Amino acid sequence: MNNLQRLELETKGIKLEQDELSIYLQENDLQPFAEYNPSSASNKKRIYQSTLSVLESIANDVTRMKSVKVDDMTVSDFSDSIQSRIDQLERKVRNLKTDEQLKNESSFFMLFAD
């Protein structure tokens, strides 16, 4: 699986061209067709940052925020849902560590200091 396919998994149901998704990945320092490394904390964090960028772009799209009702869901429901998802992703991205942070993290702590 490459990075583009992984981003498509995170943004399932959102219709965007691969070129557009590739730009979001490149803005977050990922190459679209490079192999996705699930064990890399940095790679995972960048995928989530790219997903966050996609959702923020959708939330800024005025044409999607028209007064439309589809299957008992109004646009305000959509707006609330997407904002909730953006907030969740922002928290998740802030809490994820990169590979460098994990490498520098020690497995012990000092209980007493001079």
PDB file of N, CA and C in Angstrom:
ATOM      1  N   MET A   1       0.858  -1.179   0.000  1.00  0.00           N
ATOM      2  CA  MET A   1       0.000   0.000   0.000  1.00  0.00           C
ATOM      3  C   MET A   1       0.900   1.237   0.000  1.00  0.00           C
ATOM      4  N   ASN A   2       0.554   2.198  -0.845  1.00  0.00           N
ATOM      5  CA  ASN A   2       1.334   3.432  -0.853  1.00  0.00           C
ATOM      6  C   ASN A   2       0.626   4.522  -0.036  1.00  0.00           C
ATOM      7  N   ASN A   3       1.299   5.654   0.127  1.00  0.00           N
ATOM      8  CA  ASN A   3       0.754   6.741   0.948  1.00  0.00           C
ATOM      9  C   ASN A   3      -0.573   7.272   0.408  1.00  0.00           C
ATOM     10  N   LEU A   4      -0.695   7.333  -0.899  1.00  0.00           N
ATOM     11  CA  LEU A   4      -1.929   7.821  -1.514  1.00  0.00           C
ATOM     12  C   LEU A   4      -3.105   6.895  -1.179  1.00  0.00           C
ATOM     13  N   GLN A   5      -2.881   5.602  -1.280  1.00  0.00           N
ATOM     14  CA  GLN A   5      -3.931   4.634  -0.948  1.00  0.00           C
ATOM     15  C   GLN A   5      -4.302   4.727   0.535  1.00  0.00           C
ATOM     16  N   ARG A   6      -3.314   4.949   1.395  1.00  0.00           N
ATOM     17  CA  ARG A   6      -3.578   5.074   2.832  1.00  0.00           C
ATOM     18  C   ARG A   6      -4.412   6.323   3.116  1.00  0.00           C
ATOM     19  N   LEU A   7      -4.114   7.428   2.432  1.00  0.00           N
ATOM     20  CA  LEU A   7      -4.894   8.651   2.595  1.00  0.00           C
ATOM     21  C   LEU A   7      -6.318   8.448   2.094  1.00  0.00           C
ATOM     22  N   GLU A   8      -6.469   7.702   1.003  1.00  0.00           N
ATOM     23  CA  GLU A   8      -7.805   7.405   0.491  1.00  0.00           C
ATOM     24  C   GLU A   8      -8.610   6.587   1.506  1.00  0.00           C
ATOM     25  N   LEU A   9      -7.950   5.721   2.266  1.00  0.00           N
ATOM     26  CA  LEU A   9      -8.639   4.976   3.327  1.00  0.00           C
ATOM     27  C   LEU A   9      -9.167   5.920   4.405  1.00  0.00           C
ATOM     28  N   GLU A  10      -8.371   6.904   4.773  1.00  0.00           N
ATOM     29  CA  GLU A  10      -8.768   7.860   5.809  1.00  0.00           C
ATOM     30  C   GLU A  10      -9.866   8.798   5.332  1.00  0.00           C
ATOM     31  N   THR A  11      -9.907   9.059   4.035  1.00  0.00           N
ATOM     32  CA  THR A  11     -10.882  10.009   3.487  1.00  0.00           C
ATOM     33  C   THR A  11     -11.957   9.290   2.674  1.00  0.00           C
ATOM     34  N   LYS A  12     -12.256   8.077   3.052  1.00  0.00           N
ATOM     35  CA  LYS A  12     -13.256   7.277   2.334  1.00  0.00           C
ATOM     36  C   LYS A  12     -14.579   8.029   2.275  1.00  0.00           C
ATOM     37  N   GLY A  13     -15.177   8.066   1.108  1.00  0.00           N
ATOM     38  CA  GLY A  13     -16.446   8.763   0.934  1.00  0.00           C
ATOM     39  C   GLY A  13     -16.277  10.191   0.459  1.00  0.00           C
ATOM     40  N   ILE A  14     -15.069  10.708   0.476  1.00  0.00           N
ATOM     41  CA  ILE A  14     -14.797  12.063   0.003  1.00  0.00           C
ATOM     42  C   ILE A  14     -14.250  11.943  -1.410  1.00  0.00           C
ATOM     43  N   LYS A  15     -14.945  12.551  -2.342  1.00  0.00           N
ATOM     44  CA  LYS A  15     -14.578  12.438  -3.751  1.00  0.00           C
ATOM     45  C   LYS A  15     -13.586  13.529  -4.137  1.00  0.00           C
ATOM     46  N   LEU A  16     -12.316  13.149  -4.206  1.00  0.00           N
ATOM     47  CA  LEU A  16     -11.260  14.051  -4.666  1.00  0.00           C
ATOM     48  C   LEU A  16     -10.395  13.294  -5.665  1.00  0.00           C
ATOM     49  N   GLU A  17      -9.846  14.026  -6.610  1.00  0.00           N
ATOM     50  CA  GLU A  17      -8.954  13.432  -7.597  1.00  0.00           C
ATOM     51  C   GLU A  17      -7.638  13.041  -6.921  1.00  0.00           C
ATOM     52  N   GLN A  18      -6.956  12.054  -7.497  1.00  0.00           N
ATOM     53  CA  GLN A  18      -5.673  11.631  -6.943  1.00  0.00           C
ATOM     54  C   GLN A  18      -4.647  12.753  -6.974  1.00  0.00           C
ATOM     55  N   ASP A  19      -4.740  13.626  -7.982  1.00  0.00           N
ATOM     56  CA  ASP A  19      -3.814  14.764  -8.062  1.00  0.00           C
ATOM     57  C   ASP A  19      -3.974  15.676  -6.852  1.00  0.00           C
ATOM     58  N   GLU A  20      -5.213  15.912  -6.456  1.00  0.00           N
ATOM     59  CA  GLU A  20      -5.482  16.767  -5.299  1.00  0.00           C
ATOM     60  C   GLU A  20      -4.966  16.118  -4.019  1.00  0.00           C
ATOM     61  N   LEU A  21      -5.249  14.833  -3.855  1.00  0.00           N
ATOM     62  CA  LEU A  21      -4.771  14.125  -2.669  1.00  0.00           C
ATOM     63  C   LEU A  21      -3.237  14.096  -2.631  1.00  0.00           C
ATOM     64  N   SER A  22      -2.624  13.975  -3.798  1.00  0.00           N
ATOM     65  CA  SER A  22      -1.161  13.968  -3.878  1.00  0.00           C
ATOM     66  C   SER A  22      -0.580  15.282  -3.373  1.00  0.00           C
ATOM     67  N   ILE A  23      -1.234  16.375  -3.675  1.00  0.00           N
ATOM     68  CA  ILE A  23      -0.765  17.682  -3.214  1.00  0.00           C
ATOM     69  C   ILE A  23      -0.829  17.768  -1.694  1.00  0.00           C
ATOM     70  N   TYR A  24      -1.936  17.279  -1.113  1.00  0.00           N
ATOM     71  CA  TYR A  24      -2.045  17.281   0.352  1.00  0.00           C
ATOM     72  C   TYR A  24      -0.921  16.462   0.982  1.00  0.00           C
ATOM     73  N   LEU A  25      -0.593  15.321   0.380  1.00  0.00           N
ATOM     74  CA  LEU A  25       0.491  14.493   0.898  1.00  0.00           C
ATOM     75  C   LEU A  25       1.835  15.204   0.778  1.00  0.00           C
ATOM     76  N   GLN A  26       2.085  15.808  -0.379  1.00  0.00           N
ATOM     77  CA  GLN A  26       3.357  16.491  -0.593  1.00  0.00           C
ATOM     78  C   GLN A  26       3.522  17.674   0.346  1.00  0.00           C
ATOM     79  N   GLU A  27       2.424  18.363   0.663  1.00  0.00           N
ATOM     80  CA  GLU A  27       2.490  19.475   1.607  1.00  0.00           C
ATOM     81  C   GLU A  27       2.859  19.001   3.006  1.00  0.00           C
ATOM     82  N   ASN A  28       2.648  17.731   3.282  1.00  0.00           N
ATOM     83  CA  ASN A  28       2.991  17.157   4.580  1.00  0.00           C
ATOM     84  C   ASN A  28       4.210  16.230   4.487  1.00  0.00           C
ATOM     85  N   ASP A  29       5.062  16.498   3.513  1.00  0.00           N
ATOM     86  CA  ASP A  29       6.347  15.797   3.341  1.00  0.00           C
ATOM     87  C   ASP A  29       6.218  14.296   3.090  1.00  0.00           C
ATOM     88  N   LEU A  30       5.204  13.895   2.347  1.00  0.00           N
ATOM     89  CA  LEU A  30       5.057  12.499   1.949  1.00  0.00           C
ATOM     90  C   LEU A  30       4.977  12.405   0.436  1.00  0.00           C
ATOM     91  N   GLN A  31       5.615  11.399  -0.099  1.00  0.00           N
ATOM     92  CA  GLN A  31       5.521  11.142  -1.531  1.00  0.00           C
ATOM     93  C   GLN A  31       4.320  10.216  -1.755  1.00  0.00           C
ATOM     94  N   PRO A  32       3.414  10.601  -2.660  1.00  0.00           N
ATOM     95  CA  PRO A  32       2.164   9.846  -2.844  1.00  0.00           C
ATOM     96  C   PRO A  32       2.351   8.372  -3.169  1.00  0.00           C
ATOM     97  N   PHE A  33       3.332   8.034  -3.985  1.00  0.00           N
ATOM     98  CA  PHE A  33       3.469   6.658  -4.437  1.00  0.00           C
ATOM     99  C   PHE A  33       4.567   5.899  -3.700  1.00  0.00           C
ATOM    100  N   ALA A  34       5.110   6.505  -2.643  1.00  0.00           N
ATOM    101  CA  ALA A  34       6.078   5.797  -1.806  1.00  0.00           C
ATOM    102  C   ALA A  34       5.325   4.807  -0.925  1.00  0.00           C
ATOM    103  N   GLU A  35       6.003   3.746  -0.550  1.00  0.00           N
ATOM    104  CA  GLU A  35       5.390   2.702   0.275  1.00  0.00           C
ATOM    105  C   GLU A  35       5.013   3.259   1.647  1.00  0.00           C
ATOM    106  N   TYR A  36       3.786   2.975   2.080  1.00  0.00           N
ATOM    107  CA  TYR A  36       3.333   3.387   3.407  1.00  0.00           C
ATOM    108  C   TYR A  36       3.948   2.447   4.441  1.00  0.00           C
ATOM    109  N   ASN A  37       4.538   3.027   5.470  1.00  0.00           N
ATOM    110  CA  ASN A  37       5.170   2.248   6.526  1.00  0.00           C
ATOM    111  C   ASN A  37       4.334   2.361   7.797  1.00  0.00           C
ATOM    112  N   PRO A  38       3.502   1.368   8.102  1.00  0.00           N
ATOM    113  CA  PRO A  38       2.616   1.467   9.264  1.00  0.00           C
ATOM    114  C   PRO A  38       3.350   1.478  10.599  1.00  0.00           C
ATOM    115  N   SER A  39       4.593   1.012  10.626  1.00  0.00           N
ATOM    116  CA  SER A  39       5.334   1.008  11.892  1.00  0.00           C
ATOM    117  C   SER A  39       6.055   2.331  12.143  1.00  0.00           C
ATOM    118  N   SER A  40       6.011   3.233  11.189  1.00  0.00           N
ATOM    119  CA  SER A  40       6.655   4.543  11.349  1.00  0.00           C
ATOM    120  C   SER A  40       5.673   5.537  11.953  1.00  0.00           C
ATOM    121  N   ALA A  41       6.010   6.027  13.133  1.00  0.00           N
ATOM    122  CA  ALA A  41       5.156   7.008  13.805  1.00  0.00           C
ATOM    123  C   ALA A  41       5.091   8.308  13.003  1.00  0.00           C
ATOM    124  N   SER A  42       6.201   8.692  12.386  1.00  0.00           N
ATOM    125  CA  SER A  42       6.233   9.923  11.588  1.00  0.00           C
ATOM    126  C   SER A  42       5.324   9.808  10.373  1.00  0.00           C
ATOM    127  N   ASN A  43       5.362   8.657   9.711  1.00  0.00           N
ATOM    128  CA  ASN A  43       4.531   8.439   8.532  1.00  0.00           C
ATOM    129  C   ASN A  43       3.056   8.495   8.908  1.00  0.00           C
ATOM    130  N   LYS A  44       2.700   7.844  10.006  1.00  0.00           N
ATOM    131  CA  LYS A  44       1.312   7.836  10.461  1.00  0.00           C
ATOM    132  C   LYS A  44       0.851   9.255  10.805  1.00  0.00           C
ATOM    133  N   LYS A  45       1.704  10.016  11.475  1.00  0.00           N
ATOM    134  CA  LYS A  45       1.352  11.386  11.846  1.00  0.00           C
ATOM    135  C   LYS A  45       1.138  12.249  10.601  1.00  0.00           C
ATOM    136  N   ARG A  46       1.978  12.070   9.599  1.00  0.00           N
ATOM    137  CA  ARG A  46       1.843  12.861   8.361  1.00  0.00           C
ATOM    138  C   ARG A  46       0.584  12.488   7.578  1.00  0.00           C
ATOM    139  N   ILE A  47       0.205  11.222   7.628  1.00  0.00           N
ATOM    140  CA  ILE A  47      -1.052  10.805   6.983  1.00  0.00           C
ATOM    141  C   ILE A  47      -2.220  11.511   7.658  1.00  0.00           C
ATOM    142  N   TYR A  48      -2.230  11.522   8.986  1.00  0.00           N
ATOM    143  CA  TYR A  48      -3.308  12.188   9.713  1.00  0.00           C
ATOM    144  C   TYR A  48      -3.296  13.698   9.472  1.00  0.00           C
ATOM    145  N   GLN A  49      -2.114  14.286   9.347  1.00  0.00           N
ATOM    146  CA  GLN A  49      -2.030  15.718   9.032  1.00  0.00           C
ATOM    147  C   GLN A  49      -2.598  15.987   7.641  1.00  0.00           C
ATOM    148  N   SER A  50      -2.329  15.100   6.699  1.00  0.00           N
ATOM    149  CA  SER A  50      -2.871  15.238   5.343  1.00  0.00           C
ATOM    150  C   SER A  50      -4.391  15.107   5.367  1.00  0.00           C
ATOM    151  N   THR A  51      -4.897  14.161   6.141  1.00  0.00           N
ATOM    152  CA  THR A  51      -6.347  13.981   6.281  1.00  0.00           C
ATOM    153  C   THR A  51      -6.978  15.233   6.867  1.00  0.00           C
ATOM    154  N   LEU A  52      -6.326  15.793   7.862  1.00  0.00           N
ATOM    155  CA  LEU A  52      -6.809  17.024   8.483  1.00  0.00           C
ATOM    156  C   LEU A  52      -6.863  18.154   7.460  1.00  0.00           C
ATOM    157  N   SER A  53      -5.855  18.251   6.607  1.00  0.00           N
ATOM    158  CA  SER A  53      -5.842  19.273   5.557  1.00  0.00           C
ATOM    159  C   SER A  53      -7.005  19.092   4.588  1.00  0.00           C
ATOM    160  N   VAL A  54      -7.289  17.841   4.227  1.00  0.00           N
ATOM    161  CA  VAL A  54      -8.410  17.553   3.326  1.00  0.00           C
ATOM    162  C   VAL A  54      -9.717  17.996   3.965  1.00  0.00           C
ATOM    163  N   LEU A  55      -9.934  17.625   5.225  1.00  0.00           N
ATOM    164  CA  LEU A  55     -11.186  17.974   5.908  1.00  0.00           C
ATOM    165  C   LEU A  55     -11.337  19.479   6.085  1.00  0.00           C
ATOM    166  N   GLU A  56     -10.240  20.164   6.382  1.00  0.00           N
ATOM    167  CA  GLU A  56     -10.303  21.624   6.524  1.00  0.00           C
ATOM    168  C   GLU A  56     -10.662  22.276   5.194  1.00  0.00           C
ATOM    169  N   SER A  57     -10.145  21.741   4.101  1.00  0.00           N
ATOM    170  CA  SER A  57     -10.490  22.274   2.779  1.00  0.00           C
ATOM    171  C   SER A  57     -11.968  22.076   2.474  1.00  0.00           C
ATOM    172  N   ILE A  58     -12.480  20.918   2.829  1.00  0.00           N
ATOM    173  CA  ILE A  58     -13.902  20.649   2.609  1.00  0.00           C
ATOM    174  C   ILE A  58     -14.751  21.579   3.461  1.00  0.00           C
ATOM    175  N   ALA A  59     -14.336  21.795   4.695  1.00  0.00           N
ATOM    176  CA  ALA A  59     -15.088  22.683   5.597  1.00  0.00           C
ATOM    177  C   ALA A  59     -15.076  24.125   5.096  1.00  0.00           C
ATOM    178  N   ASN A  60     -14.055  24.497   4.332  1.00  0.00           N
ATOM    179  CA  ASN A  60     -13.970  25.853   3.786  1.00  0.00           C
ATOM    180  C   ASN A  60     -14.681  26.010   2.451  1.00  0.00           C
ATOM    181  N   ASP A  61     -15.196  24.924   1.903  1.00  0.00           N
ATOM    182  CA  ASP A  61     -15.863  24.955   0.600  1.00  0.00           C
ATOM    183  C   ASP A  61     -17.310  25.408   0.775  1.00  0.00           C
ATOM    184  N   VAL A  62     -17.599  26.622   0.366  1.00  0.00           N
ATOM    185  CA  VAL A  62     -18.923  27.216   0.545  1.00  0.00           C
ATOM    186  C   VAL A  62     -19.992  26.454  -0.238  1.00  0.00           C
ATOM    187  N   THR A  63     -19.645  25.905  -1.387  1.00  0.00           N
ATOM    188  CA  THR A  63     -20.645  25.215  -2.193  1.00  0.00           C
ATOM    189  C   THR A  63     -21.153  23.955  -1.501  1.00  0.00           C
ATOM    190  N   ARG A  64     -20.337  23.350  -0.665  1.00  0.00           N
ATOM    191  CA  ARG A  64     -20.777  22.160   0.080  1.00  0.00           C
ATOM    192  C   ARG A  64     -21.656  22.540   1.263  1.00  0.00           C
ATOM    193  N   MET A  65     -21.643  23.804   1.652  1.00  0.00           N
ATOM    194  CA  MET A  65     -22.387  24.248   2.822  1.00  0.00           C
ATOM    195  C   MET A  65     -23.727  24.887   2.464  1.00  0.00           C
ATOM    196  N   LYS A  66     -24.215  24.635   1.258  1.00  0.00           N
ATOM    197  CA  LYS A  66     -25.527  25.142   0.869  1.00  0.00           C
ATOM    198  C   LYS A  66     -26.599  24.514   1.745  1.00  0.00           C
ATOM    199  N   SER A  67     -27.773  25.114   1.715  1.00  0.00           N
ATOM    200  CA  SER A  67     -28.886  24.580   2.500  1.00  0.00           C
ATOM    201  C   SER A  67     -29.478  23.383   1.766  1.00  0.00           C
ATOM    202  N   VAL A  68     -28.999  22.214   2.098  1.00  0.00           N
ATOM    203  CA  VAL A  68     -29.419  20.990   1.441  1.00  0.00           C
ATOM    204  C   VAL A  68     -29.799  19.977   2.515  1.00  0.00           C
ATOM    205  N   LYS A  69     -30.827  19.214   2.247  1.00  0.00           N
ATOM    206  CA  LYS A  69     -31.225  18.156   3.168  1.00  0.00           C
ATOM    207  C   LYS A  69     -31.208  16.834   2.411  1.00  0.00           C
ATOM    208  N   VAL A  70     -30.453  15.886   2.942  1.00  0.00           N
ATOM    209  CA  VAL A  70     -30.328  14.582   2.316  1.00  0.00           C
ATOM    210  C   VAL A  70     -30.514  13.519   3.386  1.00  0.00           C
ATOM    211  N   ASP A  71     -31.474  12.650   3.204  1.00  0.00           N
ATOM    212  CA  ASP A  71     -31.705  11.525   4.114  1.00  0.00           C
ATOM    213  C   ASP A  71     -31.689  11.932   5.583  1.00  0.00           C
ATOM    214  N   ASP A  72     -32.537  12.856   5.948  1.00  0.00           N
ATOM    215  CA  ASP A  72     -32.678  13.312   7.335  1.00  0.00           C
ATOM    216  C   ASP A  72     -31.433  13.981   7.903  1.00  0.00           C
ATOM    217  N   MET A  73     -30.522  14.420   7.055  1.00  0.00           N
ATOM    218  CA  MET A  73     -29.323  15.115   7.520  1.00  0.00           C
ATOM    219  C   MET A  73     -29.257  16.458   6.833  1.00  0.00           C
ATOM    220  N   THR A  74     -29.245  17.530   7.600  1.00  0.00           N
ATOM    221  CA  THR A  74     -29.143  18.857   7.013  1.00  0.00           C
ATOM    222  C   THR A  74     -27.679  19.246   6.922  1.00  0.00           C
ATOM    223  N   VAL A  75     -27.416  20.345   6.230  1.00  0.00           N
ATOM    224  CA  VAL A  75     -26.049  20.826   6.083  1.00  0.00           C
ATOM    225  C   VAL A  75     -25.453  21.201   7.428  1.00  0.00           C
ATOM    226  N   SER A  76     -26.266  21.726   8.332  1.00  0.00           N
ATOM    227  CA  SER A  76     -25.727  22.080   9.640  1.00  0.00           C
ATOM    228  C   SER A  76     -25.230  20.824  10.354  1.00  0.00           C
ATOM    229  N   ASP A  77     -25.930  19.696  10.159  1.00  0.00           N
ATOM    230  CA  ASP A  77     -25.455  18.431  10.728  1.00  0.00           C
ATOM    231  C   ASP A  77     -24.111  18.053  10.112  1.00  0.00           C
ATOM    232  N   PHE A  78     -23.996  18.227   8.807  1.00  0.00           N
ATOM    233  CA  PHE A  78     -22.740  17.932   8.121  1.00  0.00           C
ATOM    234  C   PHE A  78     -21.628  18.830   8.651  1.00  0.00           C
ATOM    235  N   SER A  79     -21.943  20.104   8.781  1.00  0.00           N
ATOM    236  CA  SER A  79     -20.961  21.058   9.285  1.00  0.00           C
ATOM    237  C   SER A  79     -20.518  20.704  10.695  1.00  0.00           C
ATOM    238  N   ASP A  80     -21.459  20.353  11.547  1.00  0.00           N
ATOM    239  CA  ASP A  80     -21.119  19.964  12.923  1.00  0.00           C
ATOM    240  C   ASP A  80     -20.281  18.681  12.931  1.00  0.00           C
ATOM    241  N   SER A  81     -20.652  17.741  12.093  1.00  0.00           N
ATOM    242  CA  SER A  81     -19.931  16.467  12.039  1.00  0.00           C
ATOM    243  C   SER A  81     -18.505  16.647  11.546  1.00  0.00           C
ATOM    244  N   ILE A  82     -18.334  17.439  10.504  1.00  0.00           N
ATOM    245  CA  ILE A  82     -16.986  17.622   9.964  1.00  0.00           C
ATOM    246  C   ILE A  82     -16.121  18.415  10.949  1.00  0.00           C
ATOM    247  N   GLN A  83     -16.712  19.380  11.639  1.00  0.00           N
ATOM    248  CA  GLN A  83     -15.942  20.137  12.629  1.00  0.00           C
ATOM    249  C   GLN A  83     -15.543  19.243  13.802  1.00  0.00           C
ATOM    250  N   SER A  84     -16.430  18.362  14.188  1.00  0.00           N
ATOM    251  CA  SER A  84     -16.122  17.412  15.256  1.00  0.00           C
ATOM    252  C   SER A  84     -14.969  16.498  14.845  1.00  0.00           C
ATOM    253  N   ARG A  85     -15.001  16.019  13.608  1.00  0.00           N
ATOM    254  CA  ARG A  85     -13.929  15.150  13.107  1.00  0.00           C
ATOM    255  C   ARG A  85     -12.615  15.915  13.017  1.00  0.00           C
ATOM    256  N   ILE A  86     -12.660  17.176  12.594  1.00  0.00           N
ATOM    257  CA  ILE A  86     -11.455  18.005  12.535  1.00  0.00           C
ATOM    258  C   ILE A  86     -10.865  18.159  13.930  1.00  0.00           C
ATOM    259  N   ASP A  87     -11.699  18.424  14.909  1.00  0.00           N
ATOM    260  CA  ASP A  87     -11.226  18.569  16.290  1.00  0.00           C
ATOM    261  C   ASP A  87     -10.585  17.276  16.798  1.00  0.00           C
ATOM    262  N   GLN A  88     -11.217  16.133  16.483  1.00  0.00           N
ATOM    263  CA  GLN A  88     -10.655  14.844  16.889  1.00  0.00           C
ATOM    264  C   GLN A  88      -9.281  14.618  16.268  1.00  0.00           C
ATOM    265  N   LEU A  89      -9.176  14.914  14.968  1.00  0.00           N
ATOM    266  CA  LEU A  89      -7.898  14.711  14.286  1.00  0.00           C
ATOM    267  C   LEU A  89      -6.822  15.657  14.810  1.00  0.00           C
ATOM    268  N   GLU A  90      -7.185  16.899  15.108  1.00  0.00           N
ATOM    269  CA  GLU A  90      -6.205  17.836  15.655  1.00  0.00           C
ATOM    270  C   GLU A  90      -5.649  17.316  16.977  1.00  0.00           C
ATOM    271  N   ARG A  91      -6.515  16.811  17.843  1.00  0.00           N
ATOM    272  CA  ARG A  91      -6.056  16.244  19.118  1.00  0.00           C
ATOM    273  C   ARG A  91      -5.153  15.040  18.877  1.00  0.00           C
ATOM    274  N   LYS A  92      -5.555  14.192  17.952  1.00  0.00           N
ATOM    275  CA  LYS A  92      -4.784  12.993  17.656  1.00  0.00           C
ATOM    276  C   LYS A  92      -3.400  13.350  17.111  1.00  0.00           C
ATOM    277  N   VAL A  93      -3.337  14.301  16.194  1.00  0.00           N
ATOM    278  CA  VAL A  93      -2.064  14.712  15.604  1.00  0.00           C
ATOM    279  C   VAL A  93      -1.157  15.324  16.666  1.00  0.00           C
ATOM    280  N   ARG A  94      -1.732  16.137  17.552  1.00  0.00           N
ATOM    281  CA  ARG A  94      -0.919  16.744  18.623  1.00  0.00           C
ATOM    282  C   ARG A  94      -0.330  15.686  19.549  1.00  0.00           C
ATOM    283  N   ASN A  95      -1.069  14.613  19.790  1.00  0.00           N
ATOM    284  CA  ASN A  95      -0.615  13.582  20.725  1.00  0.00           C
ATOM    285  C   ASN A  95       0.314  12.547  20.105  1.00  0.00           C
ATOM    286  N   LEU A  96       0.294  12.408  18.781  1.00  0.00           N
ATOM    287  CA  LEU A  96       1.174  11.442  18.124  1.00  0.00           C
ATOM    288  C   LEU A  96       2.610  11.938  18.160  1.00  0.00           C
ATOM    289  N   LYS A  97       3.513  11.025  18.386  1.00  0.00           N
ATOM    290  CA  LYS A  97       4.930  11.364  18.393  1.00  0.00           C
ATOM    291  C   LYS A  97       5.548  10.953  17.062  1.00  0.00           C
ATOM    292  N   THR A  98       6.638  11.598  16.715  1.00  0.00           N
ATOM    293  CA  THR A  98       7.375  11.229  15.508  1.00  0.00           C
ATOM    294  C   THR A  98       8.392  10.149  15.867  1.00  0.00           C
ATOM    295  N   ASP A  99       9.023   9.576  14.859  1.00  0.00           N
ATOM    296  CA  ASP A  99      10.045   8.551  15.095  1.00  0.00           C
ATOM    297  C   ASP A  99      11.192   9.117  15.935  1.00  0.00           C
ATOM    298  N   GLU A 100      11.586  10.351  15.666  1.00  0.00           N
ATOM    299  CA  GLU A 100      12.683  10.977  16.414  1.00  0.00           C
ATOM    300  C   GLU A 100      12.313  11.163  17.882  1.00  0.00           C
ATOM    301  N   GLN A 101      11.084  11.587  18.146  1.00  0.00           N
ATOM    302  CA  GLN A 101      10.656  11.770  19.529  1.00  0.00           C
ATOM    303  C   GLN A 101      10.619  10.436  20.258  1.00  0.00           C
ATOM    304  N   LEU A 102      10.192   9.387  19.586  1.00  0.00           N
ATOM    305  CA  LEU A 102      10.161   8.064  20.213  1.00  0.00           C
ATOM    306  C   LEU A 102      11.560   7.545  20.488  1.00  0.00           C
ATOM    307  N   LYS A 103      12.491   7.835  19.575  1.00  0.00           N
ATOM    308  CA  LYS A 103      13.868   7.377  19.736  1.00  0.00           C
ATOM    309  C   LYS A 103      14.540   8.095  20.905  1.00  0.00           C
ATOM    310  N   ASN A 104      14.253   9.383  21.076  1.00  0.00           N
ATOM    311  CA  ASN A 104      14.876  10.169  22.134  1.00  0.00           C
ATOM    312  C   ASN A 104      14.201   9.993  23.487  1.00  0.00           C
ATOM    313  N   GLU A 105      13.061   9.351  23.494  1.00  0.00           N
ATOM    314  CA  GLU A 105      12.319   9.151  24.736  1.00  0.00           C
ATOM    315  C   GLU A 105      12.974   8.033  25.546  1.00  0.00           C
ATOM    316  N   SER A 106      13.248   8.308  26.795  1.00  0.00           N
ATOM    317  CA  SER A 106      13.871   7.287  27.631  1.00  0.00           C
ATOM    318  C   SER A 106      12.798   6.445  28.311  1.00  0.00           C
ATOM    319  N   SER A 107      13.178   5.266  28.741  1.00  0.00           N
ATOM    320  CA  SER A 107      12.231   4.371  29.368  1.00  0.00           C
ATOM    321  C   SER A 107      12.284   4.463  30.893  1.00  0.00           C
ATOM    322  N   PHE A 108      13.014   5.429  31.428  1.00  0.00           N
ATOM    323  CA  PHE A 108      13.065   5.605  32.870  1.00  0.00           C
ATOM    324  C   PHE A 108      12.941   7.078  33.189  1.00  0.00           C
ATOM    325  N   PHE A 109      12.679   7.385  34.430  1.00  0.00           N
ATOM    326  CA  PHE A 109      12.589   8.777  34.848  1.00  0.00           C
ATOM    327  C   PHE A 109      13.256   8.917  36.216  1.00  0.00           C
ATOM    328  N   MET A 110      13.643  10.128  36.534  1.00  0.00           N
ATOM    329  CA  MET A 110      14.280  10.394  37.826  1.00  0.00           C
ATOM    330  C   MET A 110      13.214  10.767  38.821  1.00  0.00           C
ATOM    331  N   LEU A 111      13.150  10.027  39.903  1.00  0.00           N
ATOM    332  CA  LEU A 111      12.153  10.295  40.915  1.00  0.00           C
ATOM    333  C   LEU A 111      12.602  11.431  41.827  1.00  0.00           C
ATOM    334  N   PHE A 112      13.892  11.440  42.135  1.00  0.00           N
ATOM    335  CA  PHE A 112      14.440  12.479  42.994  1.00  0.00           C
ATOM    336  C   PHE A 112      15.536  13.223  42.259  1.00  0.00           C
ATOM    337  N   ALA A 113      15.575  14.511  42.429  1.00  0.00           N
ATOM    338  CA  ALA A 113      16.627  15.315  41.806  1.00  0.00           C
ATOM    339  C   ALA A 113      17.323  16.132  42.888  1.00  0.00           C
ATOM    340  N   ASP A 114      18.575  16.431  42.669  1.00  0.00           N
ATOM    341  CA  ASP A 114      19.329  17.241  43.640  1.00  0.00           C
ATOM    342  C   ASP A 114      18.920  18.677  43.572  1.00  0.00           C
TER     343      ASP A 114
END
